[in-house]
C-alpha atoms as a PDB file:
ATOM      1  CA  UNK A   1     123.042  84.610 163.558  1.00  0.00           C
ATOM      2  CA  UNK A   2     125.459  83.921 161.188  1.00  0.00           C
ATOM      3  CA  UNK A   3     128.130  84.220 162.918  1.00  0.00           C
ATOM      4  CA  UNK A   4     126.703  81.677 165.524  1.00  0.00           C
ATOM      5  CA  UNK A   5     126.076  79.279 162.933  1.00  0.00           C
ATOM      6  CA  UNK A   6     129.519  79.072 161.515  1.00  0.00           C
ATOM      7  CA  UNK A   7     130.732  78.665 165.064  1.00  0.00           C
ATOM      8  CA  UNK A   8     128.566  75.739 165.737  1.00  0.00           C
ATOM      9  CA  UNK A   9     129.546  73.987 162.604  1.00  0.00           C
ATOM     10  CA  UNK A  10     133.404  74.133 163.507  1.00  0.00           C
ATOM     11  CA  UNK A  11     132.298  72.943 167.116  1.00  0.00           C
ATOM     12  CA  UNK A  12     130.960  70.007 165.583  1.00  0.00           C
ATOM     13  CA  UNK A  13     133.775  69.583 163.484  1.00  0.00           C
ATOM     14  CA  UNK A  14     136.214  69.649 166.071  1.00  0.00           C
ATOM     15  CA  UNK A  15     134.139  67.551 168.013  1.00  0.00           C
ATOM     16  CA  UNK A  16     134.022  64.791 165.302  1.00  0.00           C
ATOM     17  CA  UNK A  17     137.975  65.171 165.103  1.00  0.00           C
ATOM     18  CA  UNK A  18     138.159  64.519 168.484  1.00  0.00           C
ATOM     19  CA  UNK A  19     136.268  61.174 168.175  1.00  0.00           C
ATOM     20  CA  UNK A  20     138.363  60.666 165.159  1.00  0.00           C
ATOM     21  CA  UNK A  21     141.514  60.150 167.560  1.00  0.00           C
ATOM     22  CA  UNK A  22     139.584  57.815 170.048  1.00  0.00           C
ATOM     23  CA  UNK A  23     138.994  55.799 167.358  1.00  0.00           C
ATOM     24  CA  UNK A  24     142.141  55.659 166.021  1.00  0.00           C
ATOM     25  CA  UNK A  25     143.432  54.949 169.713  1.00  0.00           C
ATOM     26  CA  UNK A  26     141.751  51.645 169.621  1.00  0.00           C
ATOM     27  CA  UNK A  27     143.046  50.797 166.329  1.00  0.00           C
ATOM     28  CA  UNK A  28     146.667  51.072 168.180  1.00  0.00           C
ATOM     29  CA  UNK A  29     145.977  49.361 171.063  1.00  0.00           C
ATOM     30  CA  UNK A  30     144.173  46.317 169.459  1.00  0.00           C
ATOM     31  CA  UNK A  31     146.860  46.447 166.645  1.00  0.00           C
ATOM     32  CA  UNK A  32     149.853  46.421 169.029  1.00  0.00           C
ATOM     33  CA  UNK A  33     148.790  43.943 171.588  1.00  0.00           C
ATOM     34  CA  UNK A  34     147.955  41.526 168.226  1.00  0.00           C
ATOM     35  CA  UNK A  35     151.185  42.175 166.983  1.00  0.00           C
ATOM     36  CA  UNK A  36     152.980  41.401 170.579  1.00  0.00           C
ATOM     37  CA  UNK A  37     150.838  38.130 170.746  1.00  0.00           C
ATOM     38  CA  UNK A  38     151.711  36.975 167.464  1.00  0.00           C
ATOM     39  CA  UNK A  39     155.684  38.474 167.316  1.00  0.00           C
ATOM     40  CA  UNK A  40     154.461  40.427 164.506  1.00  0.00           C
ATOM     41  CA  UNK A  41     157.959  42.566 164.175  1.00  0.00           C
ATOM     42  CA  UNK A  42     156.469  44.099 160.788  1.00  0.00           C
ATOM     43  CA  UNK A  43     153.656  45.525 162.006  1.00  0.00           C
ATOM     44  CA  UNK A  44     155.385  46.592 165.245  1.00  0.00           C
ATOM     45  CA  UNK A  45     157.317  48.233 163.107  1.00  0.00           C
ATOM     46  CA  UNK A  46     154.654  50.086 161.251  1.00  0.00           C
ATOM     47  CA  UNK A  47     152.806  51.256 164.835  1.00  0.00           C
ATOM     48  CA  UNK A  48     156.023  52.908 165.396  1.00  0.00           C
ATOM     49  CA  UNK A  49     156.941  54.317 161.994  1.00  0.00           C
ATOM     50  CA  UNK A  50     153.466  55.692 162.114  1.00  0.00           C
ATOM     51  CA  UNK A  51     153.055  57.652 165.403  1.00  0.00           C
ATOM     52  CA  UNK A  52     153.708  60.886 163.785  1.00  0.00           C
ATOM     53  CA  UNK A  53     150.148  60.866 162.673  1.00  0.00           C
ATOM     54  CA  UNK A  54     148.392  60.932 165.625  1.00  0.00           C
ATOM     55  CA  UNK A  55     151.032  63.925 167.182  1.00  0.00           C
ATOM     56  CA  UNK A  56     149.737  65.832 163.856  1.00  0.00           C
ATOM     57  CA  UNK A  57     145.923  65.162 164.726  1.00  0.00           C
ATOM     58  CA  UNK A  58     146.109  66.300 168.580  1.00  0.00           C
ATOM     59  CA  UNK A  59     148.084  69.205 167.892  1.00  0.00           C
ATOM     60  CA  UNK A  60     145.285  69.926 165.029  1.00  0.00           C
ATOM     61  CA  UNK A  61     142.417  69.882 167.187  1.00  0.00           C
ATOM     62  CA  UNK A  62     144.571  71.888 169.456  1.00  0.00           C
ATOM     63  CA  UNK A  63     145.219  74.898 167.151  1.00  0.00           C
ATOM     64  CA  UNK A  64     141.721  75.136 166.033  1.00  0.00           C
ATOM     65  CA  UNK A  65     140.263  74.959 169.638  1.00  0.00           C
ATOM     66  CA  UNK A  66     142.743  77.891 169.862  1.00  0.00           C
ATOM     67  CA  UNK A  67     141.816  79.474 166.812  1.00  0.00           C
ATOM     68  CA  UNK A  68     138.363  79.488 167.776  1.00  0.00           C
ATOM     69  CA  UNK A  69     138.536  80.894 171.472  1.00  0.00           C
ATOM     70  CA  UNK A  70     140.681  84.037 170.380  1.00  0.00           C
ATOM     71  CA  UNK A  71     138.268  85.010 167.209  1.00  0.00           C
ATOM     72  CA  UNK A  72     134.906  84.155 169.202  1.00  0.00           C
ATOM     73  CA  UNK A  73     136.057  84.314 172.451  1.00  0.00           C
ATOM     74  CA  UNK A  74     133.403  82.118 174.082  1.00  0.00           C
ATOM     75  CA  UNK A  75     131.892  81.565 177.303  1.00  0.00           C
ATOM     76  CA  UNK A  76     130.531  79.075 179.821  1.00  0.00           C
ATOM     77  CA  UNK A  77     129.516  75.880 178.128  1.00  0.00           C
ATOM     78  CA  UNK A  78     131.105  76.640 174.499  1.00  0.00           C
ATOM     79  CA  UNK A  79     134.316  77.364 176.198  1.00  0.00           C
ATOM     80  CA  UNK A  80     134.427  73.898 178.529  1.00  0.00           C
ATOM     81  CA  UNK A  81     133.633  72.534 175.043  1.00  0.00           C
ATOM     82  CA  UNK A  82     136.710  73.726 173.514  1.00  0.00           C
ATOM     83  CA  UNK A  83     138.802  73.463 176.354  1.00  0.00           C
ATOM     84  CA  UNK A  84     138.042  69.705 176.950  1.00  0.00           C
ATOM     85  CA  UNK A  85     138.820  68.644 173.683  1.00  0.00           C
ATOM     86  CA  UNK A  86     141.740  70.254 173.990  1.00  0.00           C
ATOM     87  CA  UNK A  87     142.671  68.188 177.373  1.00  0.00           C
ATOM     88  CA  UNK A  88     140.851  64.712 175.758  1.00  0.00           C
ATOM     89  CA  UNK A  89     142.927  65.181 172.038  1.00  0.00           C
ATOM     90  CA  UNK A  90     146.221  65.091 174.632  1.00  0.00           C
ATOM     91  CA  UNK A  91     144.986  61.941 176.854  1.00  0.00           C
ATOM     92  CA  UNK A  92     144.190  60.431 173.306  1.00  0.00           C
ATOM     93  CA  UNK A  93     147.756  61.076 172.038  1.00  0.00           C
ATOM     94  CA  UNK A  94     149.089  59.885 175.285  1.00  0.00           C
ATOM     95  CA  UNK A  95     147.415  56.392 174.835  1.00  0.00           C
ATOM     96  CA  UNK A  96     148.500  56.229 171.292  1.00  0.00           C
ATOM     97  CA  UNK A  97     152.219  56.436 172.472  1.00  0.00           C
ATOM     98  CA  UNK A  98     151.557  53.577 175.213  1.00  0.00           C
ATOM     99  CA  UNK A  99     150.181  51.444 171.872  1.00  0.00           C
ATOM    100  CA  UNK A 100     153.605  52.438 170.118  1.00  0.00           C
ATOM    101  CA  UNK A 101     155.565  51.467 173.664  1.00  0.00           C
ATOM    102  CA  UNK A 102     153.914  48.307 173.112  1.00  0.00           C
ATOM    103  CA  UNK A 103     155.294  47.977 169.837  1.00  0.00           C
ATOM    104  CA  UNK A 104     158.605  48.358 170.765  1.00  0.00           C
ATOM    105  CA  UNK A 105     158.301  45.811 173.535  1.00  0.00           C
ATOM    106  CA  UNK A 106     157.530  43.377 170.562  1.00  0.00           C
ATOM    107  CA  UNK A 107     160.622  44.578 168.706  1.00  0.00           C
ATOM    108  CA  UNK A 108     162.542  43.984 171.399  1.00  0.00           C
ATOM    109  CA  UNK A 109     161.467  40.536 172.048  1.00  0.00           C
ATOM    110  CA  UNK A 110     162.051  39.455 168.712  1.00  0.00           C
ATOM    111  CA  UNK A 111     160.225  36.533 166.887  1.00  0.00           C
ATOM    112  CA  UNK A 112     162.073  33.599 168.775  1.00  0.00           C
ATOM    113  CA  UNK A 113     161.617  34.666 172.259  1.00  0.00           C
ATOM    114  CA  UNK A 114     161.490  31.847 174.937  1.00  0.00           C
ATOM    115  CA  UNK A 115     158.510  32.701 177.016  1.00  0.00           C
ATOM    116  CA  UNK A 116     154.544  32.728 176.713  1.00  0.00           C
ATOM    117  CA  UNK A 117     152.734  36.103 176.756  1.00  0.00           C
ATOM    118  CA  UNK A 118     150.259  36.063 180.004  1.00  0.00           C
ATOM    119  CA  UNK A 119     146.949  35.759 178.505  1.00  0.00           C
ATOM    120  CA  UNK A 120     145.549  38.147 180.858  1.00  0.00           C
ATOM    121  CA  UNK A 121     146.864  41.221 178.640  1.00  0.00           C
ATOM    122  CA  UNK A 122     144.787  40.404 175.788  1.00  0.00           C
ATOM    123  CA  UNK A 123     141.835  40.791 178.339  1.00  0.00           C
ATOM    124  CA  UNK A 124     143.211  44.250 179.645  1.00  0.00           C
ATOM    125  CA  UNK A 125     143.717  45.574 175.584  1.00  0.00           C
ATOM    126  CA  UNK A 126     139.707  44.269 175.067  1.00  0.00           C
ATOM    127  CA  UNK A 127     138.728  46.063 178.701  1.00  0.00           C
ATOM    128  CA  UNK A 128     140.365  48.838 177.974  1.00  0.00           C
ATOM    129  CA  UNK A 129     138.945  49.414 174.103  1.00  0.00           C
ATOM    130  CA  UNK A 130     135.183  49.018 175.742  1.00  0.00           C
ATOM    131  CA  UNK A 131     136.545  52.075 177.551  1.00  0.00           C
ATOM    132  CA  UNK A 132     137.348  54.102 174.953  1.00  0.00           C
ATOM    133  CA  UNK A 133     133.858  52.921 173.000  1.00  0.00           C
ATOM    134  CA  UNK A 134     132.262  54.577 176.193  1.00  0.00           C
ATOM    135  CA  UNK A 135     133.792  57.394 176.444  1.00  0.00           C
ATOM    136  CA  UNK A 136     133.509  58.211 172.947  1.00  0.00           C
ATOM    137  CA  UNK A 137     129.871  58.015 173.543  1.00  0.00           C
ATOM    138  CA  UNK A 138     129.816  60.157 176.746  1.00  0.00           C
ATOM    139  CA  UNK A 139     131.709  62.718 174.821  1.00  0.00           C
ATOM    140  CA  UNK A 140     129.465  62.479 172.002  1.00  0.00           C
ATOM    141  CA  UNK A 141     126.227  63.029 173.849  1.00  0.00           C
ATOM    142  CA  UNK A 142     127.238  64.805 176.716  1.00  0.00           C
ATOM    143  CA  UNK A 143     126.248  62.717 179.007  1.00  0.00           C
ATOM    144  CA  UNK A 144     127.432  61.901 182.489  1.00  0.00           C
ATOM    145  CA  UNK A 145     126.438  58.346 182.744  1.00  0.00           C
ATOM    146  CA  UNK A 146     128.968  56.965 180.356  1.00  0.00           C
ATOM    147  CA  UNK A 147     131.598  59.034 182.388  1.00  0.00           C
ATOM    148  CA  UNK A 148     130.491  57.239 185.356  1.00  0.00           C
ATOM    149  CA  UNK A 149     130.766  53.296 183.828  1.00  0.00           C
ATOM    150  CA  UNK A 150     134.531  54.162 183.609  1.00  0.00           C
ATOM    151  CA  UNK A 151     135.584  54.401 186.613  1.00  0.00           C
ATOM    152  CA  UNK A 152     134.186  50.471 187.009  1.00  0.00           C
ATOM    153  CA  UNK A 153     136.050  49.457 183.752  1.00  0.00           C
ATOM    154  CA  UNK A 154     139.516  50.968 185.352  1.00  0.00           C
ATOM    155  CA  UNK A 155     138.784  48.966 188.232  1.00  0.00           C
ATOM    156  CA  UNK A 156     138.547  45.856 186.227  1.00  0.00           C
ATOM    157  CA  UNK A 157     141.901  46.499 184.217  1.00  0.00           C
ATOM    158  CA  UNK A 158     143.475  47.415 187.166  1.00  0.00           C
ATOM    159  CA  UNK A 159     142.939  43.915 188.762  1.00  0.00           C
ATOM    160  CA  UNK A 160     143.982  42.544 186.031  1.00  0.00           C
ATOM    161  CA  UNK A 161     147.444  44.796 185.900  1.00  0.00           C
ATOM    162  CA  UNK A 162     148.080  43.245 189.896  1.00  0.00           C
ATOM    163  CA  UNK A 163     147.405  39.515 188.808  1.00  0.00           C
ATOM    164  CA  UNK A 164     149.357  39.924 185.601  1.00  0.00           C
ATOM    165  CA  UNK A 165     152.497  41.725 187.844  1.00  0.00           C
ATOM    166  CA  UNK A 166     152.254  39.024 190.749  1.00  0.00           C
ATOM    167  CA  UNK A 167     152.358  36.201 187.994  1.00  0.00           C
ATOM    168  CA  UNK A 168     155.426  37.783 186.298  1.00  0.00           C
ATOM    169  CA  UNK A 169     157.315  38.417 189.555  1.00  0.00           C
ATOM    170  CA  UNK A 170     157.116  34.496 190.359  1.00  0.00           C
ATOM    171  CA  UNK A 171     158.023  33.965 186.861  1.00  0.00           C
ATOM    172  CA  UNK A 172     161.013  35.689 186.978  1.00  0.00           C
ATOM    173  CA  UNK A 173     162.099  33.776 190.457  1.00  0.00           C
ATOM    174  CA  UNK A 174     162.326  30.517 188.847  1.00  0.00           C
ATOM    175  CA  UNK A 175     163.098  31.539 185.185  1.00  0.00           C
ATOM    176  CA  UNK A 176     166.248  34.738 185.877  1.00  0.00           C
ATOM    177  CA  UNK A 177     167.555  33.926 182.667  1.00  0.00           C
ATOM    178  CA  UNK A 178     164.457  35.061 181.046  1.00  0.00           C
ATOM    179  CA  UNK A 179     164.034  38.374 183.149  1.00  0.00           C
ATOM    180  CA  UNK A 180     165.226  40.812 180.281  1.00  0.00           C
ATOM    181  CA  UNK A 181     162.190  38.890 178.354  1.00  0.00           C
ATOM    182  CA  UNK A 182     159.948  39.050 181.264  1.00  0.00           C
ATOM    183  CA  UNK A 183     159.954  42.292 182.124  1.00  0.00           C
ATOM    184  CA  UNK A 184     158.919  43.625 179.229  1.00  0.00           C
ATOM    185  CA  UNK A 185     155.643  41.479 179.085  1.00  0.00           C
ATOM    186  CA  UNK A 186     155.017  43.803 182.362  1.00  0.00           C
ATOM    187  CA  UNK A 187     155.957  46.748 181.061  1.00  0.00           C
ATOM    188  CA  UNK A 188     153.222  45.627 178.510  1.00  0.00           C
ATOM    189  CA  UNK A 189     151.023  45.136 180.977  1.00  0.00           C
ATOM    190  CA  UNK A 190     151.747  48.608 182.379  1.00  0.00           C
ATOM    191  CA  UNK A 191     151.205  50.404 179.015  1.00  0.00           C
ATOM    192  CA  UNK A 192     147.967  48.875 179.108  1.00  0.00           C
ATOM    193  CA  UNK A 193     147.036  50.349 182.661  1.00  0.00           C
ATOM    194  CA  UNK A 194     148.375  53.736 181.435  1.00  0.00           C
ATOM    195  CA  UNK A 195     146.043  53.649 178.866  1.00  0.00           C
ATOM    196  CA  UNK A 196     142.742  53.145 180.634  1.00  0.00           C
ATOM    197  CA  UNK A 197     144.027  55.569 183.260  1.00  0.00           C
ATOM    198  CA  UNK A 198     143.762  58.029 180.312  1.00  0.00           C
ATOM    199  CA  UNK A 199     140.612  56.915 179.588  1.00  0.00           C
ATOM    200  CA  UNK A 200     139.499  57.498 182.839  1.00  0.00           C
ATOM    201  CA  UNK A 201     140.539  61.254 182.948  1.00  0.00           C
ATOM    202  CA  UNK A 202     138.467  61.429 179.684  1.00  0.00           C
ATOM    203  CA  UNK A 203     135.307  60.458 181.677  1.00  0.00           C
ATOM    204  CA  UNK A 204     136.716  63.089 183.958  1.00  0.00           C
ATOM    205  CA  UNK A 205     136.508  65.955 181.482  1.00  0.00           C
ATOM    206  CA  UNK A 206     133.363  64.752 180.506  1.00  0.00           C
ATOM    207  CA  UNK A 207     131.772  65.121 183.667  1.00  0.00           C
ATOM    208  CA  UNK A 208     133.218  68.984 184.104  1.00  0.00           C
ATOM    209  CA  UNK A 209     131.967  69.601 180.410  1.00  0.00           C
ATOM    210  CA  UNK A 210     128.767  68.562 181.911  1.00  0.00           C
ATOM    211  CA  UNK A 211     128.597  69.918 185.490  1.00  0.00           C
ATOM    212  CA  UNK A 212     131.199  72.921 185.000  1.00  0.00           C
ATOM    213  CA  UNK A 213     133.111  70.734 188.161  1.00  0.00           C
ATOM    214  CA  UNK A 214     135.927  68.909 188.541  1.00  0.00           C
ATOM    215  CA  UNK A 215     135.579  65.245 189.817  1.00  0.00           C
ATOM    216  CA  UNK A 216     138.124  62.572 190.329  1.00  0.00           C
ATOM    217  CA  UNK A 217     136.777  58.973 189.137  1.00  0.00           C
ATOM    218  CA  UNK A 218     139.029  57.323 190.942  1.00  0.00           C
ATOM    219  CA  UNK A 219     138.111  58.267 194.519  1.00  0.00           C
END
């Protein structure tokens, strides 16, 4: 009985660590996009310099989950909880990487570039952050209804990404001398689109956690 209580406490701590890393990704994305619009090179440099923090958090989550699997040899839903913690933390670390990539684009553009950042990039960021909130809640409650909402939000991000890409391609045709700057903003929209895709992966992980069956939310 004592062993079971200890296992449950460790499982809960692991879950909280995953949720904390998810909150971190919201901050990274929001801060990176704000720095992009404000040409804030100092903030962009700080985002890049601090990327190791999220790598270390992911590693701690993975190590803790593997130790619990080795020591406790859990089965059924408990085993799924540990496996999903590993899968979700991997997606979260990659999401933080996309924030870092946006910061790199900001540094490339510099503080005196000749173009305006497409307004829909900020809208993509807002939806992606909403998706993180939905995913965290679904994971915390182990409620698949939240996971299903993610597919709808991801479609919104994809649609905005398509429009941004189209607009920027048209802009390169009339401003060939600015193509290197324009392409950096195009890359940024792609990073946010990929960020949202990873959240959809988390939704699929939640569905697997609850149902024990793999689903594709993009179908």
